[in-house]
Amino acid sequence: MERTITIGFLGCGNVGGGVWKLLNGFADDIAHRTGLRFSIKRVLVRSLAKKRDIDFPEGVLTDRVEDVLDLSLIHISEPTR
């Protein structure tokens, strides 16, 4: 059984960008090994106009921290045992 964990990033510099690439690049392998999928819904950035080397889907980037902390959209949960 596969579970989806919806997450948001508070920043997308070297670390956040690297995590984005890993979660997207290895999504199928992670799901196969753990039964977990990660859905990244929001990424907080300082400037929406800045050119980035990641092609983010429409609506993912935000410059408002409230968009990432919106608990109706983003949740962090621990797998049930």
Protein backbone atom coordinates (compact mmCIF):
# COMPACT_ATOMS: atom_id res chain seq x y z
CA MET A 1 0.00 0.00 0.00
CA GLU A 2 1.37 3.39 -1.01
CA ARG A 3 1.05 6.56 1.09
CA THR A 4 1.56 10.12 -0.08
CA ILE A 5 3.17 12.69 2.17
CA THR A 6 2.58 16.28 1.09
CA ILE A 7 5.46 18.60 1.93
CA GLY A 8 6.56 22.18 1.47
CA PHE A 9 10.03 23.68 1.37
CA LEU A 10 11.11 26.76 3.27
CA GLY A 11 13.72 27.76 0.74
CA CYS A 12 15.13 26.27 -2.40
CA GLY A 13 18.82 27.04 -2.52
CA ASN A 14 21.50 24.36 -2.76
CA VAL A 15 19.93 22.09 -0.15
CA GLY A 16 16.27 22.56 -1.08
CA GLY A 17 17.02 22.29 -4.79
CA GLY A 18 19.03 19.13 -4.19
CA VAL A 19 16.24 17.56 -2.16
CA TRP A 20 13.73 18.50 -4.88
CA LYS A 21 15.89 16.79 -7.52
CA LEU A 22 16.39 13.68 -5.38
CA LEU A 23 12.73 13.29 -4.48
CA ASN A 24 11.66 13.73 -8.09
CA GLY A 25 14.50 11.75 -9.64
CA PHE A 26 14.11 8.75 -7.35
CA ALA A 27 10.35 8.95 -6.73
CA ASP A 28 9.57 5.53 -8.20
CA ASP A 29 12.46 3.83 -6.40
CA ILE A 30 11.50 5.43 -3.07
CA ALA A 31 7.88 4.37 -3.52
CA HIS A 32 8.89 0.83 -4.43
CA ARG A 33 11.23 0.45 -1.45
CA THR A 34 9.22 2.30 1.21
CA GLY A 35 5.64 2.55 0.00
CA LEU A 36 5.87 6.35 0.32
CA ARG A 37 5.38 9.04 -2.29
CA PHE A 38 6.29 12.65 -1.66
CA SER A 39 4.18 15.37 -3.17
CA ILE A 40 5.86 18.77 -3.02
CA LYS A 41 3.10 21.38 -3.09
CA ARG A 42 4.86 24.63 -2.19
CA VAL A 43 8.39 26.00 -2.26
CA LEU A 44 9.17 29.29 -0.52
CA VAL A 45 11.58 31.55 -2.45
CA ARG A 46 12.74 35.13 -1.97
CA SER A 47 11.96 36.16 -5.53
CA LEU A 48 9.47 34.66 -7.92
CA ALA A 49 11.21 36.46 -10.81
CA LYS A 50 14.63 34.83 -10.27
CA LYS A 51 15.76 32.40 -12.98
CA ARG A 52 16.21 28.87 -11.61
CA ASP A 53 17.76 25.71 -13.02
CA ILE A 54 14.75 23.65 -11.90
CA ASP A 55 11.56 23.71 -13.96
CA PHE A 56 8.98 23.95 -11.16
CA PRO A 57 5.36 23.23 -12.00
CA GLU A 58 3.00 26.21 -12.15
CA GLY A 59 1.87 27.36 -8.70
CA VAL A 60 4.56 25.57 -6.66
CA LEU A 61 6.78 28.60 -6.02
CA THR A 62 5.64 31.23 -3.56
CA ASP A 63 7.17 34.20 -1.80
CA ARG A 64 4.69 34.00 1.08
CA VAL A 65 5.62 31.78 4.04
CA GLU A 66 1.91 31.46 4.87
CA ASP A 67 1.41 29.48 1.65
CA VAL A 68 3.85 26.84 2.86
CA LEU A 69 2.54 26.74 6.41
CA ASP A 70 -1.10 26.34 5.32
CA LEU A 71 -1.92 23.11 7.14
CA SER A 72 -4.89 22.36 4.88
CA LEU A 73 -2.44 21.91 1.99
CA ILE A 74 0.81 20.77 3.60
CA HIS A 75 1.10 18.01 6.18
CA ILE A 76 3.94 16.21 7.81
CA SER A 77 3.05 12.81 9.12
CA GLU A 78 4.84 9.79 10.45
CA PRO A 79 3.97 6.42 8.93
CA THR A 80 1.56 4.48 11.12
CA ARG A 81 2.81 1.24 12.61
